[in-house]
Amino acid sequence: MNDRRQNQRYTTEQALEAYDLHSARFLGRFVDISEDGFLLFCPQPIDVDSIWQLRVLAANDTLLRSLLSFGAECLWVRAADEPNHFWAGFHIIDISSEDTETLRKLLSTTESV
């Protein structure tokens, strides 16, 4: 498979979770992230070519404060080895300048993969 990533991916020290901004549906946990895309580990399949407005939270934040939000398109989905779980690759398509800065700060404190 050709790797079409343009930016280095990073793992975060804190566990991050993705939620649909409109329905609050839990979509999955971030495996890695870059300025233009990310990989989620999901408990249900995501439709390829679907577009989401995501809210990103720290998994252990009991106050449910958003770290950032952005629009993203699901580019591909594959079954994971764990039963009833999936890998989903996304491309970030809409992010505010404020959230871009927040993402850059987050990436500057993480480890590249």
PDB file of N, CA and C in Angstrom:
ATOM      1  N   MET A   1       0.852  -1.174   0.000  1.00  0.00           N
ATOM      2  CA  MET A   1       0.000   0.000   0.000  1.00  0.00           C
ATOM      3  C   MET A   1       0.900   1.241   0.000  1.00  0.00           C
ATOM      4  N   ASN A   2       0.541   2.211  -0.787  1.00  0.00           N
ATOM      5  CA  ASN A   2       1.271   3.470  -0.816  1.00  0.00           C
ATOM      6  C   ASN A   2       0.883   4.313   0.380  1.00  0.00           C
ATOM      7  N   ASP A   3       1.888   4.846   1.046  1.00  0.00           N
ATOM      8  CA  ASP A   3       1.637   5.732   2.179  1.00  0.00           C
ATOM      9  C   ASP A   3       1.521   7.154   1.651  1.00  0.00           C
ATOM     10  N   ARG A   4       0.312   7.721   1.713  1.00  0.00           N
ATOM     11  CA  ARG A   4       0.073   9.054   1.153  1.00  0.00           C
ATOM     12  C   ARG A   4       0.173  10.151   2.185  1.00  0.00           C
ATOM     13  N   ARG A   5       0.628   9.842   3.378  1.00  0.00           N
ATOM     14  CA  ARG A   5       0.746  10.858   4.419  1.00  0.00           C
ATOM     15  C   ARG A   5       1.777  11.897   4.036  1.00  0.00           C
ATOM     16  N   GLN A   6       1.443  13.136   4.278  1.00  0.00           N
ATOM     17  CA  GLN A   6       2.364  14.221   3.994  1.00  0.00           C
ATOM     18  C   GLN A   6       3.058  14.719   5.248  1.00  0.00           C
ATOM     19  N   ASN A   7       2.476  14.472   6.409  1.00  0.00           N
ATOM     20  CA  ASN A   7       3.050  14.918   7.675  1.00  0.00           C
ATOM     21  C   ASN A   7       3.319  13.723   8.580  1.00  0.00           C
ATOM     22  N   GLN A   8       4.333  13.876   9.418  1.00  0.00           N
ATOM     23  CA  GLN A   8       4.678  12.853  10.403  1.00  0.00           C
ATOM     24  C   GLN A   8       3.517  12.638  11.365  1.00  0.00           C
ATOM     25  N   ARG A   9       3.235  11.381  11.723  1.00  0.00           N
ATOM     26  CA  ARG A   9       2.200  11.078  12.709  1.00  0.00           C
ATOM     27  C   ARG A   9       2.815  11.016  14.095  1.00  0.00           C
ATOM     28  N   TYR A  10       2.008  11.329  15.100  1.00  0.00           N
ATOM     29  CA  TYR A  10       2.462  11.349  16.487  1.00  0.00           C
ATOM     30  C   TYR A  10       1.487  10.598  17.378  1.00  0.00           C
ATOM     31  N   THR A  11       2.018   9.977  18.421  1.00  0.00           N
ATOM     32  CA  THR A  11       1.168   9.405  19.460  1.00  0.00           C
ATOM     33  C   THR A  11       1.183  10.388  20.628  1.00  0.00           C
ATOM     34  N   THR A  12       0.096  10.438  21.352  1.00  0.00           N
ATOM     35  CA  THR A  12       0.021  11.362  22.476  1.00  0.00           C
ATOM     36  C   THR A  12       0.191  10.600  23.781  1.00  0.00           C
ATOM     37  N   GLU A  13       0.754  11.274  24.771  1.00  0.00           N
ATOM     38  CA  GLU A  13       0.927  10.647  26.080  1.00  0.00           C
ATOM     39  C   GLU A  13      -0.423  10.452  26.765  1.00  0.00           C
ATOM     40  N   GLN A  14      -1.329  11.397  26.570  1.00  0.00           N
ATOM     41  CA  GLN A  14      -2.650  11.245  27.147  1.00  0.00           C
ATOM     42  C   GLN A  14      -3.570  10.578  26.127  1.00  0.00           C
ATOM     43  N   ALA A  15      -4.457   9.730  26.624  1.00  0.00           N
ATOM     44  CA  ALA A  15      -5.412   9.060  25.755  1.00  0.00           C
ATOM     45  C   ALA A  15      -6.446  10.076  25.281  1.00  0.00           C
ATOM     46  N   LEU A  16      -6.649  10.142  23.965  1.00  0.00           N
ATOM     47  CA  LEU A  16      -7.612  11.068  23.381  1.00  0.00           C
ATOM     48  C   LEU A  16      -8.763  10.291  22.767  1.00  0.00           C
ATOM     49  N   GLU A  17      -9.955  10.842  22.887  1.00  0.00           N
ATOM     50  CA  GLU A  17     -11.153  10.220  22.341  1.00  0.00           C
ATOM     51  C   GLU A  17     -11.849  11.169  21.382  1.00  0.00           C
ATOM     52  N   ALA A  18     -12.495  10.599  20.366  1.00  0.00           N
ATOM     53  CA  ALA A  18     -13.237  11.376  19.372  1.00  0.00           C
ATOM     54  C   ALA A  18     -14.737  11.149  19.549  1.00  0.00           C
ATOM     55  N   TYR A  19     -15.478  12.253  19.548  1.00  0.00           N
ATOM     56  CA  TYR A  19     -16.939  12.225  19.652  1.00  0.00           C
ATOM     57  C   TYR A  19     -17.524  13.059  18.524  1.00  0.00           C
ATOM     58  N   ASP A  20     -18.679  12.624  18.019  1.00  0.00           N
ATOM     59  CA  ASP A  20     -19.400  13.427  17.050  1.00  0.00           C
ATOM     60  C   ASP A  20     -19.913  14.671  17.775  1.00  0.00           C
ATOM     61  N   LEU A  21     -19.609  15.838  17.242  1.00  0.00           N
ATOM     62  CA  LEU A  21     -19.984  17.101  17.880  1.00  0.00           C
ATOM     63  C   LEU A  21     -21.495  17.256  18.005  1.00  0.00           C
ATOM     64  N   HIS A  22     -22.255  16.730  17.048  1.00  0.00           N
ATOM     65  CA  HIS A  22     -23.708  16.949  17.022  1.00  0.00           C
ATOM     66  C   HIS A  22     -24.493  15.946  17.861  1.00  0.00           C
ATOM     67  N   SER A  23     -24.093  14.670  17.831  1.00  0.00           N
ATOM     68  CA  SER A  23     -24.856  13.640  18.539  1.00  0.00           C
ATOM     69  C   SER A  23     -24.199  13.181  19.837  1.00  0.00           C
ATOM     70  N   ALA A  24     -22.936  13.561  20.062  1.00  0.00           N
ATOM     71  CA  ALA A  24     -22.135  13.118  21.212  1.00  0.00           C
ATOM     72  C   ALA A  24     -21.795  11.632  21.141  1.00  0.00           C
ATOM     73  N   ARG A  25     -21.986  11.014  19.977  1.00  0.00           N
ATOM     74  CA  ARG A  25     -21.647   9.597  19.776  1.00  0.00           C
ATOM     75  C   ARG A  25     -20.132   9.398  19.885  1.00  0.00           C
ATOM     76  N   PHE A  26     -19.723   8.417  20.682  1.00  0.00           N
ATOM     77  CA  PHE A  26     -18.314   8.069  20.798  1.00  0.00           C
ATOM     78  C   PHE A  26     -17.889   7.358  19.521  1.00  0.00           C
ATOM     79  N   LEU A  27     -16.853   7.887  18.857  1.00  0.00           N
ATOM     80  CA  LEU A  27     -16.383   7.275  17.610  1.00  0.00           C
ATOM     81  C   LEU A  27     -15.174   6.388  17.822  1.00  0.00           C
ATOM     82  N   GLY A  28     -14.287   6.761  18.736  1.00  0.00           N
ATOM     83  CA  GLY A  28     -13.132   5.922  18.973  1.00  0.00           C
ATOM     84  C   GLY A  28     -12.015   6.654  19.681  1.00  0.00           C
ATOM     85  N   ARG A  29     -10.928   5.905  19.898  1.00  0.00           N
ATOM     86  CA  ARG A  29      -9.728   6.459  20.530  1.00  0.00           C
ATOM     87  C   ARG A  29      -8.674   6.729  19.482  1.00  0.00           C
ATOM     88  N   PHE A  30      -7.968   7.838  19.642  1.00  0.00           N
ATOM     89  CA  PHE A  30      -6.890   8.188  18.724  1.00  0.00           C
ATOM     90  C   PHE A  30      -5.717   7.233  18.920  1.00  0.00           C
ATOM     91  N   VAL A  31      -5.208   6.725  17.811  1.00  0.00           N
ATOM     92  CA  VAL A  31      -4.005   5.901  17.821  1.00  0.00           C
ATOM     93  C   VAL A  31      -2.807   6.783  17.505  1.00  0.00           C
ATOM     94  N   ASP A  32      -2.968   7.608  16.474  1.00  0.00           N
ATOM     95  CA  ASP A  32      -1.954   8.604  16.131  1.00  0.00           C
ATOM     96  C   ASP A  32      -2.628   9.767  15.426  1.00  0.00           C
ATOM     97  N   ILE A  33      -1.880  10.878  15.321  1.00  0.00           N
ATOM     98  CA  ILE A  33      -2.466  12.097  14.747  1.00  0.00           C
ATOM     99  C   ILE A  33      -1.353  12.952  14.137  1.00  0.00           C
ATOM    100  N   SER A  34      -1.700  13.707  13.103  1.00  0.00           N
ATOM    101  CA  SER A  34      -0.795  14.686  12.503  1.00  0.00           C
ATOM    102  C   SER A  34      -1.601  15.955  12.258  1.00  0.00           C
ATOM    103  N   GLU A  35      -0.985  16.934  11.618  1.00  0.00           N
ATOM    104  CA  GLU A  35      -1.709  18.168  11.322  1.00  0.00           C
ATOM    105  C   GLU A  35      -2.800  17.969  10.280  1.00  0.00           C
ATOM    106  N   ASP A  36      -2.731  16.877   9.524  1.00  0.00           N
ATOM    107  CA  ASP A  36      -3.740  16.707   8.478  1.00  0.00           C
ATOM    108  C   ASP A  36      -4.527  15.404   8.539  1.00  0.00           C
ATOM    109  N   GLY A  37      -4.257  14.543   9.508  1.00  0.00           N
ATOM    110  CA  GLY A  37      -5.005  13.297   9.575  1.00  0.00           C
ATOM    111  C   GLY A  37      -4.767  12.543  10.869  1.00  0.00           C
ATOM    112  N   PHE A  38      -5.495  11.441  11.027  1.00  0.00           N
ATOM    113  CA  PHE A  38      -5.379  10.647  12.249  1.00  0.00           C
ATOM    114  C   PHE A  38      -5.956   9.257  12.036  1.00  0.00           C
ATOM    115  N   LEU A  39      -5.614   8.366  12.956  1.00  0.00           N
ATOM    116  CA  LEU A  39      -6.107   7.001  12.970  1.00  0.00           C
ATOM    117  C   LEU A  39      -6.892   6.796  14.253  1.00  0.00           C
ATOM    118  N   LEU A  40      -8.112   6.239  14.126  1.00  0.00           N
ATOM    119  CA  LEU A  40      -8.935   5.918  15.286  1.00  0.00           C
ATOM    120  C   LEU A  40      -9.074   4.411  15.430  1.00  0.00           C
ATOM    121  N   PHE A  41      -9.157   3.955  16.669  1.00  0.00           N
ATOM    122  CA  PHE A  41      -9.531   2.582  17.000  1.00  0.00           C
ATOM    123  C   PHE A  41     -10.976   2.663  17.463  1.00  0.00           C
ATOM    124  N   CYS A  42     -11.892   2.055  16.715  1.00  0.00           N
ATOM    125  CA  CYS A  42     -13.334   2.295  16.881  1.00  0.00           C
ATOM    126  C   CYS A  42     -14.098   1.051  17.325  1.00  0.00           C
ATOM    127  N   PRO A  43     -15.110   1.205  18.181  1.00  0.00           N
ATOM    128  CA  PRO A  43     -15.941   0.077  18.603  1.00  0.00           C
ATOM    129  C   PRO A  43     -17.044  -0.278  17.603  1.00  0.00           C
ATOM    130  N   GLN A  44     -17.189   0.515  16.555  1.00  0.00           N
ATOM    131  CA  GLN A  44     -18.157   0.222  15.498  1.00  0.00           C
ATOM    132  C   GLN A  44     -17.586   0.750  14.184  1.00  0.00           C
ATOM    133  N   PRO A  45     -18.008   0.185  13.056  1.00  0.00           N
ATOM    134  CA  PRO A  45     -17.470   0.677  11.787  1.00  0.00           C
ATOM    135  C   PRO A  45     -17.937   2.099  11.492  1.00  0.00           C
ATOM    136  N   ILE A  46     -17.092   2.826  10.794  1.00  0.00           N
ATOM    137  CA  ILE A  46     -17.403   4.180  10.331  1.00  0.00           C
ATOM    138  C   ILE A  46     -17.566   4.082   8.822  1.00  0.00           C
ATOM    139  N   ASP A  47     -18.540   4.766   8.252  1.00  0.00           N
ATOM    140  CA  ASP A  47     -18.733   4.728   6.801  1.00  0.00           C
ATOM    141  C   ASP A  47     -17.603   5.460   6.091  1.00  0.00           C
ATOM    142  N   VAL A  48     -17.010   4.795   5.108  1.00  0.00           N
ATOM    143  CA  VAL A  48     -15.995   5.432   4.273  1.00  0.00           C
ATOM    144  C   VAL A  48     -16.649   6.590   3.525  1.00  0.00           C
ATOM    145  N   ASP A  49     -15.931   7.673   3.357  1.00  0.00           N
ATOM    146  CA  ASP A  49     -16.386   8.905   2.713  1.00  0.00           C
ATOM    147  C   ASP A  49     -17.371   9.708   3.561  1.00  0.00           C
ATOM    148  N   SER A  50     -17.600   9.282   4.802  1.00  0.00           N
ATOM    149  CA  SER A  50     -18.476  10.068   5.674  1.00  0.00           C
ATOM    150  C   SER A  50     -17.696  11.248   6.254  1.00  0.00           C
ATOM    151  N   ILE A  51     -18.408  12.320   6.505  1.00  0.00           N
ATOM    152  CA  ILE A  51     -17.797  13.537   7.027  1.00  0.00           C
ATOM    153  C   ILE A  51     -18.355  13.789   8.421  1.00  0.00           C
ATOM    154  N   TRP A  52     -17.444  14.117   9.344  1.00  0.00           N
ATOM    155  CA  TRP A  52     -17.785  14.287  10.748  1.00  0.00           C
ATOM    156  C   TRP A  52     -17.273  15.612  11.264  1.00  0.00           C
ATOM    157  N   GLN A  53     -18.007  16.190  12.184  1.00  0.00           N
ATOM    158  CA  GLN A  53     -17.511  17.319  12.964  1.00  0.00           C
ATOM    159  C   GLN A  53     -17.175  16.713  14.317  1.00  0.00           C
ATOM    160  N   LEU A  54     -15.884  16.671  14.643  1.00  0.00           N
ATOM    161  CA  LEU A  54     -15.430  15.954  15.825  1.00  0.00           C
ATOM    162  C   LEU A  54     -15.076  16.872  16.983  1.00  0.00           C
ATOM    163  N   ARG A  55     -15.303  16.349  18.140  1.00  0.00           N
ATOM    164  CA  ARG A  55     -14.892  16.965  19.396  1.00  0.00           C
ATOM    165  C   ARG A  55     -13.861  16.027  20.003  1.00  0.00           C
ATOM    166  N   VAL A  56     -12.698  16.544  20.334  1.00  0.00           N
ATOM    167  CA  VAL A  56     -11.612  15.733  20.881  1.00  0.00           C
ATOM    168  C   VAL A  56     -11.504  16.000  22.379  1.00  0.00           C
ATOM    169  N   LEU A  57     -11.553  14.915  23.156  1.00  0.00           N
ATOM    170  CA  LEU A  57     -11.488  15.005  24.616  1.00  0.00           C
ATOM    171  C   LEU A  57     -10.351  14.139  25.141  1.00  0.00           C
ATOM    172  N   ALA A  58      -9.798  14.518  26.270  1.00  0.00           N
ATOM    173  CA  ALA A  58      -8.883  13.635  26.992  1.00  0.00           C
ATOM    174  C   ALA A  58      -9.742  12.556  27.638  1.00  0.00           C
ATOM    175  N   ALA A  59      -9.336  11.306  27.481  1.00  0.00           N
ATOM    176  CA  ALA A  59     -10.147  10.185  27.960  1.00  0.00           C
ATOM    177  C   ALA A  59     -10.406  10.243  29.463  1.00  0.00           C
ATOM    178  N   ASN A  60      -9.491  10.798  30.227  1.00  0.00           N
ATOM    179  CA  ASN A  60      -9.632  10.808  31.678  1.00  0.00           C
ATOM    180  C   ASN A  60     -10.200  12.112  32.229  1.00  0.00           C
ATOM    181  N   ASP A  61     -10.702  12.985  31.388  1.00  0.00           N
ATOM    182  CA  ASP A  61     -11.236  14.269  31.837  1.00  0.00           C
ATOM    183  C   ASP A  61     -12.703  14.110  32.234  1.00  0.00           C
ATOM    184  N   THR A  62     -12.963  14.067  33.530  1.00  0.00           N
ATOM    185  CA  THR A  62     -14.335  13.874  34.000  1.00  0.00           C
ATOM    186  C   THR A  62     -15.220  15.093  33.761  1.00  0.00           C
ATOM    187  N   LEU A  63     -14.607  16.250  33.467  1.00  0.00           N
ATOM    188  CA  LEU A  63     -15.390  17.457  33.184  1.00  0.00           C
ATOM    189  C   LEU A  63     -15.785  17.558  31.711  1.00  0.00           C
ATOM    190  N   LEU A  64     -15.293  16.632  30.882  1.00  0.00           N
ATOM    191  CA  LEU A  64     -15.627  16.556  29.456  1.00  0.00           C
ATOM    192  C   LEU A  64     -15.315  17.845  28.700  1.00  0.00           C
ATOM    193  N   ARG A  65     -14.169  18.437  28.995  1.00  0.00           N
ATOM    194  CA  ARG A  65     -13.742  19.656  28.298  1.00  0.00           C
ATOM    195  C   ARG A  65     -13.114  19.287  26.957  1.00  0.00           C
ATOM    196  N   SER A  66     -13.544  19.949  25.913  1.00  0.00           N
ATOM    197  CA  SER A  66     -12.966  19.719  24.593  1.00  0.00           C
ATOM    198  C   SER A  66     -11.554  20.266  24.535  1.00  0.00           C
ATOM    199  N   LEU A  67     -10.639  19.489  23.961  1.00  0.00           N
ATOM    200  CA  LEU A  67      -9.296  19.982  23.703  1.00  0.00           C
ATOM    201  C   LEU A  67      -9.281  20.756  22.400  1.00  0.00           C
ATOM    202  N   LEU A  68      -9.999  20.239  21.409  1.00  0.00           N
ATOM    203  CA  LEU A  68     -10.132  20.906  20.122  1.00  0.00           C
ATOM    204  C   LEU A  68     -11.264  20.259  19.354  1.00  0.00           C
ATOM    205  N   SER A  69     -11.658  20.886  18.262  1.00  0.00           N
ATOM    206  CA  SER A  69     -12.670  20.309  17.383  1.00  0.00           C
ATOM    207  C   SER A  69     -12.298  20.633  15.941  1.00  0.00           C
ATOM    208  N   PHE A  70     -12.757  19.776  15.031  1.00  0.00           N
ATOM    209  CA  PHE A  70     -12.473  19.960  13.611  1.00  0.00           C
ATOM    210  C   PHE A  70     -13.369  19.063  12.780  1.00  0.00           C
ATOM    211  N   GLY A  71     -13.431  19.352  11.495  1.00  0.00           N
ATOM    212  CA  GLY A  71     -14.141  18.509  10.556  1.00  0.00           C
ATOM    213  C   GLY A  71     -13.180  17.509   9.944  1.00  0.00           C
ATOM    214  N   ALA A  72     -13.650  16.280   9.724  1.00  0.00           N
ATOM    215  CA  ALA A  72     -12.783  15.243   9.164  1.00  0.00           C
ATOM    216  C   ALA A  72     -13.590  14.294   8.291  1.00  0.00           C
ATOM    217  N   GLU A  73     -12.906  13.737   7.296  1.00  0.00           N
ATOM    218  CA  GLU A  73     -13.509  12.763   6.393  1.00  0.00           C
ATOM    219  C   GLU A  73     -12.866  11.406   6.627  1.00  0.00           C
ATOM    220  N   CYS A  74     -13.694  10.368   6.736  1.00  0.00           N
ATOM    221  CA  CYS A  74     -13.192   9.007   6.883  1.00  0.00           C
ATOM    222  C   CYS A  74     -12.755   8.500   5.508  1.00  0.00           C
ATOM    223  N   LEU A  75     -11.472   8.165   5.368  1.00  0.00           N
ATOM    224  CA  LEU A  75     -10.926   7.720   4.086  1.00  0.00           C
ATOM    225  C   LEU A  75     -10.951   6.214   3.917  1.00  0.00           C
ATOM    226  N   TRP A  76     -10.816   5.474   5.001  1.00  0.00           N
ATOM    227  CA  TRP A  76     -10.814   4.012   4.921  1.00  0.00           C
ATOM    228  C   TRP A  76     -11.151   3.411   6.295  1.00  0.00           C
ATOM    229  N   VAL A  77     -11.631   2.171   6.270  1.00  0.00           N
ATOM    230  CA  VAL A  77     -11.950   1.423   7.488  1.00  0.00           C
ATOM    231  C   VAL A  77     -11.525  -0.024   7.279  1.00  0.00           C
ATOM    232  N   ARG A  78     -10.925  -0.611   8.308  1.00  0.00           N
ATOM    233  CA  ARG A  78     -10.535  -2.022   8.269  1.00  0.00           C
ATOM    234  C   ARG A  78     -10.882  -2.672   9.600  1.00  0.00           C
ATOM    235  N   ALA A  79     -11.232  -3.955   9.548  1.00  0.00           N
ATOM    236  CA  ALA A  79     -11.494  -4.696  10.776  1.00  0.00           C
ATOM    237  C   ALA A  79     -10.197  -4.834  11.570  1.00  0.00           C
ATOM    238  N   ALA A  80     -10.289  -4.693  12.885  1.00  0.00           N
ATOM    239  CA  ALA A  80      -9.144  -4.884  13.778  1.00  0.00           C
ATOM    240  C   ALA A  80      -9.104  -6.341  14.213  1.00  0.00           C
ATOM    241  N   ASP A  81      -7.988  -6.751  14.795  1.00  0.00           N
ATOM    242  CA  ASP A  81      -7.876  -8.120  15.303  1.00  0.00           C
ATOM    243  C   ASP A  81      -8.808  -8.361  16.479  1.00  0.00           C
ATOM    244  N   GLU A  82      -9.067  -7.319  17.248  1.00  0.00           N
ATOM    245  CA  GLU A  82      -9.988  -7.431  18.374  1.00  0.00           C
ATOM    246  C   GLU A  82     -11.415  -7.521  17.837  1.00  0.00           C
ATOM    247  N   PRO A  83     -12.205  -8.504  18.308  1.00  0.00           N
ATOM    248  CA  PRO A  83     -13.570  -8.655  17.784  1.00  0.00           C
ATOM    249  C   PRO A  83     -14.396  -7.380  17.919  1.00  0.00           C
ATOM    250  N   ASN A  84     -15.180  -7.099  16.902  1.00  0.00           N
ATOM    251  CA  ASN A  84     -16.103  -5.957  16.882  1.00  0.00           C
ATOM    252  C   ASN A  84     -15.409  -4.613  17.047  1.00  0.00           C
ATOM    253  N   HIS A  85     -14.188  -4.492  16.572  1.00  0.00           N
ATOM    254  CA  HIS A  85     -13.473  -3.222  16.573  1.00  0.00           C
ATOM    255  C   HIS A  85     -12.863  -2.980  15.200  1.00  0.00           C
ATOM    256  N   PHE A  86     -12.597  -1.705  14.916  1.00  0.00           N
ATOM    257  CA  PHE A  86     -12.160  -1.315  13.584  1.00  0.00           C
ATOM    258  C   PHE A  86     -11.091  -0.238  13.669  1.00  0.00           C
ATOM    259  N   TRP A  87     -10.264  -0.174  12.636  1.00  0.00           N
ATOM    260  CA  TRP A  87      -9.316   0.912  12.419  1.00  0.00           C
ATOM    261  C   TRP A  87      -9.954   1.835  11.392  1.00  0.00           C
ATOM    262  N   ALA A  88      -9.874   3.132  11.596  1.00  0.00           N
ATOM    263  CA  ALA A  88     -10.439   4.088  10.635  1.00  0.00           C
ATOM    264  C   ALA A  88      -9.445   5.232  10.431  1.00  0.00           C
ATOM    265  N   GLY A  89      -9.101   5.481   9.170  1.00  0.00           N
ATOM    266  CA  GLY A  89      -8.193   6.557   8.821  1.00  0.00           C
ATOM    267  C   GLY A  89      -8.960   7.788   8.367  1.00  0.00           C
ATOM    268  N   PHE A  90      -8.605   8.939   8.890  1.00  0.00           N
ATOM    269  CA  PHE A  90      -9.307  10.192   8.616  1.00  0.00           C
ATOM    270  C   PHE A  90      -8.359  11.257   8.090  1.00  0.00           C
ATOM    271  N   HIS A  91      -8.932  12.164   7.314  1.00  0.00           N
ATOM    272  CA  HIS A  91      -8.237  13.358   6.839  1.00  0.00           C
ATOM    273  C   HIS A  91      -8.948  14.568   7.440  1.00  0.00           C
ATOM    274  N   ILE A  92      -8.202  15.466   8.069  1.00  0.00           N
ATOM    275  CA  ILE A  92      -8.791  16.686   8.634  1.00  0.00           C
ATOM    276  C   ILE A  92      -9.086  17.646   7.488  1.00  0.00           C
ATOM    277  N   ILE A  93     -10.337  18.067   7.381  1.00  0.00           N
ATOM    278  CA  ILE A  93     -10.728  18.911   6.249  1.00  0.00           C
ATOM    279  C   ILE A  93     -11.139  20.322   6.647  1.00  0.00           C
ATOM    280  N   ASP A  94     -11.405  20.550   7.938  1.00  0.00           N
ATOM    281  CA  ASP A  94     -11.852  21.870   8.367  1.00  0.00           C
ATOM    282  C   ASP A  94     -11.460  22.065   9.826  1.00  0.00           C
ATOM    283  N   ILE A  95     -10.552  23.007  10.066  1.00  0.00           N
ATOM    284  CA  ILE A  95     -10.104  23.268  11.425  1.00  0.00           C
ATOM    285  C   ILE A  95      -9.825  24.766  11.563  1.00  0.00           C
ATOM    286  N   SER A  96     -10.255  25.340  12.669  1.00  0.00           N
ATOM    287  CA  SER A  96     -10.046  26.770  12.897  1.00  0.00           C
ATOM    288  C   SER A  96      -8.571  27.046  13.156  1.00  0.00           C
ATOM    289  N   SER A  97      -8.169  28.294  13.001  1.00  0.00           N
ATOM    290  CA  SER A  97      -6.778  28.658  13.274  1.00  0.00           C
ATOM    291  C   SER A  97      -6.454  28.453  14.756  1.00  0.00           C
ATOM    292  N   GLU A  98      -7.400  28.701  15.625  1.00  0.00           N
ATOM    293  CA  GLU A  98      -7.191  28.482  17.061  1.00  0.00           C
ATOM    294  C   GLU A  98      -6.962  27.001  17.354  1.00  0.00           C
ATOM    295  N   ASP A  99      -7.791  26.131  16.768  1.00  0.00           N
ATOM    296  CA  ASP A  99      -7.628  24.696  16.986  1.00  0.00           C
ATOM    297  C   ASP A  99      -6.376  24.158  16.296  1.00  0.00           C
ATOM    298  N   THR A 100      -5.962  24.781  15.193  1.00  0.00           N
ATOM    299  CA  THR A 100      -4.702  24.390  14.541  1.00  0.00           C
ATOM    300  C   THR A 100      -3.541  24.645  15.492  1.00  0.00           C
ATOM    301  N   GLU A 101      -3.543  25.791  16.160  1.00  0.00           N
ATOM    302  CA  GLU A 101      -2.490  26.105  17.125  1.00  0.00           C
ATOM    303  C   GLU A 101      -2.520  25.133  18.308  1.00  0.00           C
ATOM    304  N   THR A 102      -3.715  24.804  18.783  1.00  0.00           N
ATOM    305  CA  THR A 102      -3.846  23.837  19.875  1.00  0.00           C
ATOM    306  C   THR A 102      -3.297  22.483  19.444  1.00  0.00           C
ATOM    307  N   LEU A 103      -3.610  22.065  18.226  1.00  0.00           N
ATOM    308  CA  LEU A 103      -3.109  20.796  17.709  1.00  0.00           C
ATOM    309  C   LEU A 103      -1.590  20.830  17.600  1.00  0.00           C
ATOM    310  N   ARG A 104      -1.031  21.914  17.096  1.00  0.00           N
ATOM    311  CA  ARG A 104       0.431  22.026  16.981  1.00  0.00           C
ATOM    312  C   ARG A 104       1.102  21.945  18.345  1.00  0.00           C
ATOM    313  N   LYS A 105       0.510  22.579  19.352  1.00  0.00           N
ATOM    314  CA  LYS A 105       1.063  22.504  20.706  1.00  0.00           C
ATOM    315  C   LYS A 105       0.998  21.074  21.227  1.00  0.00           C
ATOM    316  N   LEU A 106      -0.104  20.400  20.956  1.00  0.00           N
ATOM    317  CA  LEU A 106      -0.257  19.006  21.363  1.00  0.00           C
ATOM    318  C   LEU A 106       0.804  18.136  20.686  1.00  0.00           C
ATOM    319  N   LEU A 107       1.028  18.354  19.402  1.00  0.00           N
ATOM    320  CA  LEU A 107       2.005  17.559  18.656  1.00  0.00           C
ATOM    321  C   LEU A 107       3.443  17.843  19.106  1.00  0.00           C
ATOM    322  N   SER A 108       3.688  19.044  19.569  1.00  0.00           N
ATOM    323  CA  SER A 108       5.053  19.401  19.992  1.00  0.00           C
ATOM    324  C   SER A 108       5.441  18.697  21.299  1.00  0.00           C
ATOM    325  N   THR A 109       4.479  18.163  22.013  1.00  0.00           N
ATOM    326  CA  THR A 109       4.762  17.467  23.273  1.00  0.00           C
ATOM    327  C   THR A 109       4.576  15.961  23.154  1.00  0.00           C
ATOM    328  N   THR A 110       4.531  15.448  21.917  1.00  0.00           N
ATOM    329  CA  THR A 110       4.272  14.031  21.699  1.00  0.00           C
ATOM    330  C   THR A 110       5.460  13.354  21.041  1.00  0.00           C
ATOM    331  N   GLU A 111       5.331  12.047  20.847  1.00  0.00           N
ATOM    332  CA  GLU A 111       6.380  11.244  20.252  1.00  0.00           C
ATOM    333  C   GLU A 111       5.977  10.845  18.838  1.00  0.00           C
ATOM    334  N   SER A 112       6.897  10.991  17.871  1.00  0.00           N
ATOM    335  CA  SER A 112       6.564  10.627  16.497  1.00  0.00           C
ATOM    336  C   SER A 112       6.575   9.112  16.331  1.00  0.00           C
ATOM    337  N   VAL A 113       5.739   8.626  15.397  1.00  0.00           N
ATOM    338  CA  VAL A 113       5.672   7.193  15.097  1.00  0.00           C
ATOM    339  C   VAL A 113       6.088   6.925  13.678  1.00  0.00           C
TER     340      VAL A 113
END
